[in-house]
Amino acid sequence: MISSVFSKKNIIDQLRLISLFFFPLLISCSSNQNNVVEIINPPIFPKEFSSIPKETEKPQLLSLLSVQEKIKDIDVGRKDPFLPPNLVGEKLLVPTSFIYHGQISSANQVNAFVTYEDRKGTIKQGDIGGKSTNLLPQGWVVKKIDLDTQSLILSFDSSPVKIDLFPMEKP
């Protein structure tokens, strides 16, 4: 019985059966269409581009600005974004805790009496807040103490503000 299962005749019959099943499938996959749908032609270049010129014209290019030249007039942000805003429009305002009490001059030295937050003392021209004195807000500079007009000129980020000893209007 084992020999009958593996007989040559049985295998040949099985191959015929399989081929009858797969032959229609193989034939159905082929295509009889021979029509060419699209023809692609190479592009035609004009005669002026057909040869490389021996000399080229020098282009009329403009030189670019350096980064520093480009950004020198652009003001963006603040140097210390954590400071409270002290601007009204374009005008710099002095912090409310800063009070100018008076001035004193002796020899060649002019000092101004001020109060800032809970501290009192004198400041002189050139003092920088947070560096040489703690009587000014951080980064503020004493530009001038004017004895004639009795005013104090402070500066922050190149923006000056004038404080009069006897202001005409109360803030």
Foldseek 3Di string as FASTA:
>chain_A
DVCVCPDPVNVVVVVVVVCVVCVVVVVVPDDPDPDDDDDDDDDDDDPVPPDDDPDDDDDPDDDDDDPCVVCVPPDDDDPDNPDPDQDDVNAGHADPQKDWAFWDDDDHWIWTWIGHNPDTDIDGAFDADPPRDVNGPHGKGFHDQDPVQRWTWIDHPNHIDIGHNDDPDDD
